[in-house]
PDB file of N, CA and C in Angstrom:
ATOM      1  N   MET A   1      30.805  87.635-140.110  1.00  0.00           N
ATOM      2  CA  MET A   1      30.382  86.457-139.388  1.00  0.00           C
ATOM      3  C   MET A   1      28.865  86.497-139.228  1.00  0.00           C
ATOM      4  N   SER A   2      28.227  85.349-139.461  1.00  0.00           N
ATOM      5  CA  SER A   2      26.778  85.273-139.275  1.00  0.00           C
ATOM      6  C   SER A   2      26.463  85.033-137.799  1.00  0.00           C
ATOM      7  N   TRP A   3      25.221  85.329-137.426  1.00  0.00           N
ATOM      8  CA  TRP A   3      24.791  85.084-136.048  1.00  0.00           C
ATOM      9  C   TRP A   3      24.821  83.594-135.733  1.00  0.00           C
ATOM     10  N   GLN A   4      24.528  82.745-136.724  1.00  0.00           N
ATOM     11  CA  GLN A   4      24.561  81.306-136.477  1.00  0.00           C
ATOM     12  C   GLN A   4      25.970  80.844-136.152  1.00  0.00           C
ATOM     13  N   VAL A   5      26.944  81.349-136.867  1.00  0.00           N
ATOM     14  CA  VAL A   5      28.340  81.010-136.580  1.00  0.00           C
ATOM     15  C   VAL A   5      28.711  81.495-135.178  1.00  0.00           C
ATOM     16  N   TYR A   6      28.226  82.669-134.807  1.00  0.00           N
ATOM     17  CA  TYR A   6      28.504  83.197-133.461  1.00  0.00           C
ATOM     18  C   TYR A   6      27.938  82.267-132.392  1.00  0.00           C
ATOM     19  N   VAL A   7      26.696  81.818-132.565  1.00  0.00           N
ATOM     20  CA  VAL A   7      26.092  80.887-131.604  1.00  0.00           C
ATOM     21  C   VAL A   7      26.883  79.582-131.566  1.00  0.00           C
ATOM     22  N   ASP A   8      27.131  78.998-132.726  1.00  0.00           N
ATOM     23  CA  ASP A   8      27.795  77.692-132.791  1.00  0.00           C
ATOM     24  C   ASP A   8      29.234  77.723-132.293  1.00  0.00           C
ATOM     25  N   ASP A   9      29.996  78.725-132.706  1.00  0.00           N
ATOM     26  CA  ASP A   9      31.431  78.751-132.417  1.00  0.00           C
ATOM     27  C   ASP A   9      31.823  79.520-131.166  1.00  0.00           C
ATOM     28  N   HIS A  10      30.966  80.422-130.701  1.00  0.00           N
ATOM     29  CA  HIS A  10      31.344  81.251-129.555  1.00  0.00           C
ATOM     30  C   HIS A  10      30.476  81.018-128.323  1.00  0.00           C
ATOM     31  N   LEU A  11      29.176  80.892-128.489  1.00  0.00           N
ATOM     32  CA  LEU A  11      28.315  80.683-127.327  1.00  0.00           C
ATOM     33  C   LEU A  11      28.293  79.226-126.881  1.00  0.00           C
ATOM     34  N   MET A  12      28.375  78.296-127.817  1.00  0.00           N
ATOM     35  CA  MET A  12      28.285  76.871-127.490  1.00  0.00           C
ATOM     36  C   MET A  12      29.650  76.214-127.291  1.00  0.00           C
ATOM     37  N   CYS A  13      30.702  76.979-127.198  1.00  0.00           N
ATOM     38  CA  CYS A  13      32.034  76.402-127.037  1.00  0.00           C
ATOM     39  C   CYS A  13      32.314  76.079-125.567  1.00  0.00           C
ATOM     40  N   ASP A  14      33.265  75.201-125.351  1.00  0.00           N
ATOM     41  CA  ASP A  14      33.695  74.814-124.010  1.00  0.00           C
ATOM     42  C   ASP A  14      34.591  75.916-123.446  1.00  0.00           C
ATOM     43  N   ILE A  15      34.255  76.379-122.252  1.00  0.00           N
ATOM     44  CA  ILE A  15      35.075  77.374-121.561  1.00  0.00           C
ATOM     45  C   ILE A  15      35.396  76.819-120.186  1.00  0.00           C
ATOM     46  N   GLU A  16      36.646  76.414-120.012  1.00  0.00           N
ATOM     47  CA  GLU A  16      37.124  75.861-118.751  1.00  0.00           C
ATOM     48  C   GLU A  16      36.224  74.744-118.234  1.00  0.00           C
ATOM     49  N   GLY A  17      35.809  73.854-119.120  1.00  0.00           N
ATOM     50  CA  GLY A  17      34.999  72.709-118.737  1.00  0.00           C
ATOM     51  C   GLY A  17      33.512  72.977-118.637  1.00  0.00           C
ATOM     52  N   ASN A  18      33.079  74.174-118.955  1.00  0.00           N
ATOM     53  CA  ASN A  18      31.666  74.528-118.918  1.00  0.00           C
ATOM     54  C   ASN A  18      31.157  74.812-120.325  1.00  0.00           C
ATOM     55  N   THR A  19      29.975  74.291-120.622  1.00  0.00           N
ATOM     56  CA  THR A  19      29.367  74.488-121.926  1.00  0.00           C
ATOM     57  C   THR A  19      27.892  74.790-121.743  1.00  0.00           C
ATOM     58  N   LEU A  20      27.376  75.733-122.508  1.00  0.00           N
ATOM     59  CA  LEU A  20      25.943  75.994-122.491  1.00  0.00           C
ATOM     60  C   LEU A  20      25.206  74.785-123.047  1.00  0.00           C
ATOM     61  N   THR A  21      23.978  74.564-122.579  1.00  0.00           N
ATOM     62  CA  THR A  21      23.181  73.478-123.141  1.00  0.00           C
ATOM     63  C   THR A  21      22.434  73.943-124.381  1.00  0.00           C
ATOM     64  N   SER A  22      22.131  75.244-124.461  1.00  0.00           N
ATOM     65  CA  SER A  22      21.478  75.796-125.646  1.00  0.00           C
ATOM     66  C   SER A  22      21.636  77.309-125.650  1.00  0.00           C
ATOM     67  N   ALA A  23      21.492  77.890-126.830  1.00  0.00           N
ATOM     68  CA  ALA A  23      21.616  79.343-126.974  1.00  0.00           C
ATOM     69  C   ALA A  23      20.814  79.796-128.186  1.00  0.00           C
ATOM     70  N   ALA A  24      20.356  81.038-128.143  1.00  0.00           N
ATOM     71  CA  ALA A  24      19.610  81.600-129.270  1.00  0.00           C
ATOM     72  C   ALA A  24      19.797  83.104-129.299  1.00  0.00           C
ATOM     73  N   ILE A  25      19.670  83.657-130.486  1.00  0.00           N
ATOM     74  CA  ILE A  25      19.613  85.104-130.667  1.00  0.00           C
ATOM     75  C   ILE A  25      18.313  85.379-131.396  1.00  0.00           C
ATOM     76  N   ILE A  26      17.449  86.168-130.750  1.00  0.00           N
ATOM     77  CA  ILE A  26      16.116  86.453-131.279  1.00  0.00           C
ATOM     78  C   ILE A  26      15.948  87.963-131.348  1.00  0.00           C
ATOM     79  N   GLY A  27      15.431  88.450-132.472  1.00  0.00           N
ATOM     80  CA  GLY A  27      15.240  89.883-132.671  1.00  0.00           C
ATOM     81  C   GLY A  27      14.111  90.443-131.830  1.00  0.00           C
ATOM     82  N   HIS A  28      14.060  91.756-131.719  1.00  0.00           N
ATOM     83  CA  HIS A  28      13.018  92.447-130.951  1.00  0.00           C
ATOM     84  C   HIS A  28      11.621  92.107-131.457  1.00  0.00           C
ATOM     85  N   ASP A  29      11.526  91.774-132.721  1.00  0.00           N
ATOM     86  CA  ASP A  29      10.216  91.447-133.302  1.00  0.00           C
ATOM     87  C   ASP A  29       9.882  89.964-133.166  1.00  0.00           C
ATOM     88  N   GLY A  30      10.746  89.206-132.482  1.00  0.00           N
ATOM     89  CA  GLY A  30      10.511  87.777-132.297  1.00  0.00           C
ATOM     90  C   GLY A  30      11.078  86.906-133.387  1.00  0.00           C
ATOM     91  N   SER A  31      11.724  87.515-134.382  1.00  0.00           N
ATOM     92  CA  SER A  31      12.321  86.715-135.456  1.00  0.00           C
ATOM     93  C   SER A  31      13.584  86.023-134.949  1.00  0.00           C
ATOM     94  N   VAL A  32      13.790  84.798-135.380  1.00  0.00           N
ATOM     95  CA  VAL A  32      14.946  84.005-134.958  1.00  0.00           C
ATOM     96  C   VAL A  32      16.126  84.356-135.842  1.00  0.00           C
ATOM     97  N   TRP A  33      17.210  84.794-135.225  1.00  0.00           N
ATOM     98  CA  TRP A  33      18.433  85.101-135.963  1.00  0.00           C
ATOM     99  C   TRP A  33      19.356  83.892-135.983  1.00  0.00           C
ATOM    100  N   ALA A  34      19.408  83.152-134.856  1.00  0.00           N
ATOM    101  CA  ALA A  34      20.264  81.966-134.775  1.00  0.00           C
ATOM    102  C   ALA A  34      19.837  81.128-133.575  1.00  0.00           C
ATOM    103  N   LEU A  35      19.954  79.802-133.710  1.00  0.00           N
ATOM    104  CA  LEU A  35      19.595  78.860-132.645  1.00  0.00           C
ATOM    105  C   LEU A  35      20.605  77.741-132.593  1.00  0.00           C
ATOM    106  N   SER A  36      20.915  77.274-131.390  1.00  0.00           N
ATOM    107  CA  SER A  36      21.667  76.031-131.289  1.00  0.00           C
ATOM    108  C   SER A  36      20.700  74.888-131.568  1.00  0.00           C
ATOM    109  N   ALA A  37      21.228  73.751-131.956  1.00  0.00           N
ATOM    110  CA  ALA A  37      20.384  72.601-132.286  1.00  0.00           C
ATOM    111  C   ALA A  37      19.537  72.153-131.097  1.00  0.00           C
ATOM    112  N   SER A  38      20.037  72.378-129.881  1.00  0.00           N
ATOM    113  CA  SER A  38      19.346  71.915-128.678  1.00  0.00           C
ATOM    114  C   SER A  38      18.381  72.946-128.082  1.00  0.00           C
ATOM    115  N   PHE A  39      18.226  74.100-128.728  1.00  0.00           N
ATOM    116  CA  PHE A  39      17.359  75.131-128.152  1.00  0.00           C
ATOM    117  C   PHE A  39      15.911  74.657-128.172  1.00  0.00           C
ATOM    118  N   PRO A  40      15.175  74.854-127.054  1.00  0.00           N
ATOM    119  CA  PRO A  40      13.791  74.358-127.013  1.00  0.00           C
ATOM    120  C   PRO A  40      12.882  75.076-128.003  1.00  0.00           C
ATOM    121  N   GLN A  41      11.914  74.340-128.518  1.00  0.00           N
ATOM    122  CA  GLN A  41      10.907  74.911-129.406  1.00  0.00           C
ATOM    123  C   GLN A  41      10.101  75.916-128.584  1.00  0.00           C
ATOM    124  N   PHE A  42       9.939  77.114-129.058  1.00  0.00           N
ATOM    125  CA  PHE A  42       9.194  78.132-128.317  1.00  0.00           C
ATOM    126  C   PHE A  42       8.083  78.684-129.185  1.00  0.00           C
ATOM    127  N   THR A  43       7.118  79.319-128.529  1.00  0.00           N
ATOM    128  CA  THR A  43       5.990  79.895-129.253  1.00  0.00           C
ATOM    129  C   THR A  43       6.159  81.402-129.378  1.00  0.00           C
ATOM    130  N   GLN A  44       5.449  81.978-130.310  1.00  0.00           N
ATOM    131  CA  GLN A  44       5.483  83.431-130.483  1.00  0.00           C
ATOM    132  C   GLN A  44       4.937  84.121-129.228  1.00  0.00           C
ATOM    133  N   GLU A  45       3.974  83.501-128.556  1.00  0.00           N
ATOM    134  CA  GLU A  45       3.420  84.072-127.326  1.00  0.00           C
ATOM    135  C   GLU A  45       4.484  84.152-126.236  1.00  0.00           C
ATOM    136  N   GLU A  46       5.344  83.122-126.148  1.00  0.00           N
ATOM    137  CA  GLU A  46       6.420  83.142-125.154  1.00  0.00           C
ATOM    138  C   GLU A  46       7.407  84.271-125.444  1.00  0.00           C
ATOM    139  N   VAL A  47       7.764  84.431-126.704  1.00  0.00           N
ATOM    140  CA  VAL A  47       8.684  85.510-127.089  1.00  0.00           C
ATOM    141  C   VAL A  47       8.033  86.866-126.829  1.00  0.00           C
ATOM    142  N   SER A  48       6.749  87.012-127.145  1.00  0.00           N
ATOM    143  CA  SER A  48       6.041  88.283-126.909  1.00  0.00           C
ATOM    144  C   SER A  48       6.020  88.638-125.430  1.00  0.00           C
ATOM    145  N   ALA A  49       5.825  87.639-124.564  1.00  0.00           N
ATOM    146  CA  ALA A  49       5.819  87.898-123.117  1.00  0.00           C
ATOM    147  C   ALA A  49       7.188  88.360-122.637  1.00  0.00           C
ATOM    148  N   ILE A  50       8.242  87.764-123.183  1.00  0.00           N
ATOM    149  CA  ILE A  50       9.603  88.187-122.816  1.00  0.00           C
ATOM    150  C   ILE A  50       9.846  89.620-123.268  1.00  0.00           C
ATOM    151  N   MET A  51       9.470  89.938-124.509  1.00  0.00           N
ATOM    152  CA  MET A  51       9.670  91.296-125.016  1.00  0.00           C
ATOM    153  C   MET A  51       8.855  92.305-124.204  1.00  0.00           C
ATOM    154  N   LYS A  52       7.675  91.909-123.758  1.00  0.00           N
ATOM    155  CA  LYS A  52       6.848  92.796-122.934  1.00  0.00           C
ATOM    156  C   LYS A  52       7.555  93.115-121.620  1.00  0.00           C
ATOM    157  N   ASP A  53       8.255  92.120-121.041  1.00  0.00           N
ATOM    158  CA  ASP A  53       8.950  92.370-119.780  1.00  0.00           C
ATOM    159  C   ASP A  53      10.099  93.354-119.948  1.00  0.00           C
ATOM    160  N   PHE A  54      10.691  93.409-121.131  1.00  0.00           N
ATOM    161  CA  PHE A  54      11.708  94.426-121.370  1.00  0.00           C
ATOM    162  C   PHE A  54      11.069  95.819-121.375  1.00  0.00           C
ATOM    163  N   GLU A  55       9.854  95.913-121.913  1.00  0.00           N
ATOM    164  CA  GLU A  55       9.145  97.192-121.987  1.00  0.00           C
ATOM    165  C   GLU A  55       8.451  97.547-120.670  1.00  0.00           C
ATOM    166  N   GLU A  56       7.910  96.531-119.990  1.00  0.00           N
ATOM    167  CA  GLU A  56       7.199  96.706-118.725  1.00  0.00           C
ATOM    168  C   GLU A  56       7.822  95.786-117.685  1.00  0.00           C
ATOM    169  N   PRO A  57       8.975  96.193-117.123  1.00  0.00           N
ATOM    170  CA  PRO A  57       9.683  95.329-116.173  1.00  0.00           C
ATOM    171  C   PRO A  57       8.763  94.865-115.039  1.00  0.00           C
ATOM    172  N   GLY A  58       8.872  93.591-114.720  1.00  0.00           N
ATOM    173  CA  GLY A  58       8.060  93.014-113.658  1.00  0.00           C
ATOM    174  C   GLY A  58       6.809  92.321-114.150  1.00  0.00           C
ATOM    175  N   SER A  59       6.505  92.428-115.444  1.00  0.00           N
ATOM    176  CA  SER A  59       5.281  91.809-115.953  1.00  0.00           C
ATOM    177  C   SER A  59       5.341  90.282-115.904  1.00  0.00           C
ATOM    178  N   LEU A  60       6.538  89.698-115.921  1.00  0.00           N
ATOM    179  CA  LEU A  60       6.664  88.242-115.854  1.00  0.00           C
ATOM    180  C   LEU A  60       6.754  87.711-114.428  1.00  0.00           C
ATOM    181  N   ALA A  61       7.043  88.564-113.482  1.00  0.00           N
ATOM    182  CA  ALA A  61       7.250  88.103-112.105  1.00  0.00           C
ATOM    183  C   ALA A  61       6.063  87.323-111.542  1.00  0.00           C
ATOM    184  N   PRO A  62       4.819  87.772-111.718  1.00  0.00           N
ATOM    185  CA  PRO A  62       3.704  87.031-111.119  1.00  0.00           C
ATOM    186  C   PRO A  62       3.443  85.660-111.755  1.00  0.00           C
ATOM    187  N   THR A  63       3.708  85.514-113.044  1.00  0.00           N
ATOM    188  CA  THR A  63       3.373  84.273-113.748  1.00  0.00           C
ATOM    189  C   THR A  63       4.588  83.408-114.052  1.00  0.00           C
ATOM    190  N   GLY A  64       5.763  83.982-114.053  1.00  0.00           N
ATOM    191  CA  GLY A  64       6.966  83.290-114.478  1.00  0.00           C
ATOM    192  C   GLY A  64       7.157  83.444-115.974  1.00  0.00           C
ATOM    193  N   LEU A  65       8.316  83.050-116.424  1.00  0.00           N
ATOM    194  CA  LEU A  65       8.665  83.132-117.834  1.00  0.00           C
ATOM    195  C   LEU A  65       8.595  81.723-118.417  1.00  0.00           C
ATOM    196  N   PHE A  66       7.921  81.576-119.521  1.00  0.00           N
ATOM    197  CA  PHE A  66       7.832  80.278-120.184  1.00  0.00           C
ATOM    198  C   PHE A  66       8.681  80.304-121.446  1.00  0.00           C
ATOM    199  N   LEU A  67       9.423  79.221-121.639  1.00  0.00           N
ATOM    200  CA  LEU A  67      10.249  79.071-122.829  1.00  0.00           C
ATOM    201  C   LEU A  67      10.229  77.596-123.213  1.00  0.00           C
ATOM    202  N   GLY A  68       9.687  77.309-124.368  1.00  0.00           N
ATOM    203  CA  GLY A  68       9.549  75.925-124.789  1.00  0.00           C
ATOM    204  C   GLY A  68       8.609  75.142-123.887  1.00  0.00           C
ATOM    205  N   GLY A  69       7.645  75.842-123.288  1.00  0.00           N
ATOM    206  CA  GLY A  69       6.687  75.199-122.402  1.00  0.00           C
ATOM    207  C   GLY A  69       7.185  74.986-120.984  1.00  0.00           C
ATOM    208  N   THR A  70       8.436  75.295-120.716  1.00  0.00           N
ATOM    209  CA  THR A  70       9.007  75.154-119.378  1.00  0.00           C
ATOM    210  C   THR A  70       8.900  76.485-118.645  1.00  0.00           C
ATOM    211  N   LYS A  71       8.430  76.429-117.400  1.00  0.00           N
ATOM    212  CA  LYS A  71       8.269  77.634-116.598  1.00  0.00           C
ATOM    213  C   LYS A  71       9.554  77.932-115.827  1.00  0.00           C
ATOM    214  N   TYR A  72       9.989  79.188-115.894  1.00  0.00           N
ATOM    215  CA  TYR A  72      11.157  79.662-115.161  1.00  0.00           C
ATOM    216  C   TYR A  72      10.731  80.792-114.245  1.00  0.00           C
ATOM    217  N   MET A  73      11.311  80.839-113.075  1.00  0.00           N
ATOM    218  CA  MET A  73      11.055  81.917-112.148  1.00  0.00           C
ATOM    219  C   MET A  73      11.957  83.097-112.533  1.00  0.00           C
ATOM    220  N   VAL A  74      11.379  84.283-112.648  1.00  0.00           N
ATOM    221  CA  VAL A  74      12.164  85.489-112.933  1.00  0.00           C
ATOM    222  C   VAL A  74      12.720  85.968-111.603  1.00  0.00           C
ATOM    223  N   ILE A  75      14.054  86.052-111.503  1.00  0.00           N
ATOM    224  CA  ILE A  75      14.661  86.390-110.218  1.00  0.00           C
ATOM    225  C   ILE A  75      15.254  87.793-110.154  1.00  0.00           C
ATOM    226  N   GLN A  76      15.514  88.400-111.293  1.00  0.00           N
ATOM    227  CA  GLN A  76      16.127  89.725-111.280  1.00  0.00           C
ATOM    228  C   GLN A  76      16.081  90.314-112.673  1.00  0.00           C
ATOM    229  N   GLY A  77      16.191  91.612-112.757  1.00  0.00           N
ATOM    230  CA  GLY A  77      16.250  92.256-114.055  1.00  0.00           C
ATOM    231  C   GLY A  77      16.736  93.680-113.963  1.00  0.00           C
ATOM    232  N   GLU A  78      17.102  94.193-115.088  1.00  0.00           N
ATOM    233  CA  GLU A  78      17.432  95.602-115.227  1.00  0.00           C
ATOM    234  C   GLU A  78      16.490  96.132-116.286  1.00  0.00           C
ATOM    235  N   PRO A  79      15.645  97.097-115.935  1.00  0.00           N
ATOM    236  CA  PRO A  79      14.629  97.581-116.881  1.00  0.00           C
ATOM    237  C   PRO A  79      15.211  97.866-118.267  1.00  0.00           C
ATOM    238  N   GLY A  80      14.592  97.250-119.281  1.00  0.00           N
ATOM    239  CA  GLY A  80      14.980  97.472-120.667  1.00  0.00           C
ATOM    240  C   GLY A  80      16.238  96.776-121.120  1.00  0.00           C
ATOM    241  N   ALA A  81      16.930  96.034-120.214  1.00  0.00           N
ATOM    242  CA  ALA A  81      18.219  95.479-120.600  1.00  0.00           C
ATOM    243  C   ALA A  81      18.387  93.991-120.332  1.00  0.00           C
ATOM    244  N   VAL A  82      18.038  93.513-119.129  1.00  0.00           N
ATOM    245  CA  VAL A  82      18.368  92.146-118.737  1.00  0.00           C
ATOM    246  C   VAL A  82      17.203  91.510-117.982  1.00  0.00           C
ATOM    247  N   ILE A  83      16.964  90.214-118.231  1.00  0.00           N
ATOM    248  CA  ILE A  83      16.041  89.412-117.437  1.00  0.00           C
ATOM    249  C   ILE A  83      16.825  88.183-116.995  1.00  0.00           C
ATOM    250  N   ARG A  84      16.844  87.925-115.703  1.00  0.00           N
ATOM    251  CA  ARG A  84      17.510  86.729-115.181  1.00  0.00           C
ATOM    252  C   ARG A  84      16.453  85.813-114.583  1.00  0.00           C
ATOM    253  N   GLY A  85      16.608  84.528-114.823  1.00  0.00           N
ATOM    254  CA  GLY A  85      15.649  83.580-114.290  1.00  0.00           C
ATOM    255  C   GLY A  85      16.297  82.262-113.978  1.00  0.00           C
ATOM    256  N   LYS A  86      15.504  81.360-113.357  1.00  0.00           N
ATOM    257  CA  LYS A  86      16.044  80.039-113.045  1.00  0.00           C
ATOM    258  C   LYS A  86      14.918  79.031-112.890  1.00  0.00           C
ATOM    259  N   LYS A  87      15.289  77.776-113.020  1.00  0.00           N
ATOM    260  CA  LYS A  87      14.426  76.629-112.730  1.00  0.00           C
ATOM    261  C   LYS A  87      15.357  75.569-112.179  1.00  0.00           C
ATOM    262  N   VAL A  88      15.220  75.279-110.924  1.00  0.00           N
ATOM    263  CA  VAL A  88      16.077  74.350-110.206  1.00  0.00           C
ATOM    264  C   VAL A  88      17.534  74.768-110.422  1.00  0.00           C
ATOM    265  N   MET A  89      18.313  74.027-111.185  1.00  0.00           N
ATOM    266  CA  MET A  89      19.723  74.373-111.373  1.00  0.00           C
ATOM    267  C   MET A  89      19.993  75.025-112.726  1.00  0.00           C
ATOM    268  N   ILE A  90      18.947  75.302-113.482  1.00  0.00           N
ATOM    269  CA  ILE A  90      19.130  75.960-114.775  1.00  0.00           C
ATOM    270  C   ILE A  90      19.031  77.458-114.563  1.00  0.00           C
ATOM    271  N   ARG A  91      19.974  78.189-115.054  1.00  0.00           N
ATOM    272  CA  ARG A  91      19.929  79.649-114.979  1.00  0.00           C
ATOM    273  C   ARG A  91      20.040  80.193-116.393  1.00  0.00           C
ATOM    274  N   PHE A  92      19.398  81.325-116.619  1.00  0.00           N
ATOM    275  CA  PHE A  92      19.517  81.937-117.932  1.00  0.00           C
ATOM    276  C   PHE A  92      19.609  83.441-117.778  1.00  0.00           C
ATOM    277  N   LEU A  93      20.048  84.057-118.805  1.00  0.00           N
ATOM    278  CA  LEU A  93      20.204  85.501-118.870  1.00  0.00           C
ATOM    279  C   LEU A  93      19.751  85.943-120.247  1.00  0.00           C
ATOM    280  N   LEU A  94      18.778  86.823-120.286  1.00  0.00           N
ATOM    281  CA  LEU A  94      18.300  87.370-121.549  1.00  0.00           C
ATOM    282  C   LEU A  94      18.785  88.805-121.641  1.00  0.00           C
ATOM    283  N   LEU A  95      19.437  89.139-122.718  1.00  0.00           N
ATOM    284  CA  LEU A  95      19.956  90.480-122.936  1.00  0.00           C
ATOM    285  C   LEU A  95      19.225  91.108-124.097  1.00  0.00           C
ATOM    286  N   ARG A  96      18.989  92.375-123.989  1.00  0.00           N
ATOM    287  CA  ARG A  96      18.350  93.103-125.089  1.00  0.00           C
ATOM    288  C   ARG A  96      19.384  94.018-125.713  1.00  0.00           C
ATOM    289  N   TYR A  97      19.635  93.806-126.978  1.00  0.00           N
ATOM    290  CA  TYR A  97      20.573  94.637-127.709  1.00  0.00           C
ATOM    291  C   TYR A  97      19.805  95.555-128.647  1.00  0.00           C
ATOM    292  N   CYS A  98      20.229  96.774-128.707  1.00  0.00           N
ATOM    293  CA  CYS A  98      19.593  97.733-129.627  1.00  0.00           C
ATOM    294  C   CYS A  98      20.374  97.813-130.914  1.00  0.00           C
TER     295      CYS A  98
END
């Protein structure tokens, strides 16, 4: 199974009336493995800042996390593994897989 099929068929599917609005799988080097059609356009600088927070937890807390030009507040994380954030009613979870 390709990563694109995983995003399209597993991450973007309806689960008990809930559906993600967008999803992506991005490599540690910032390369895009798979994107939903609705995923916001992002810059390499935004991806680099996210990857830096995995290496240096808390680096995004003072400025927030930007994705597709939208600012999200970083609300929690697990060093090297997870970044959680939100903007109004939007919540996201970034996972780092080795």
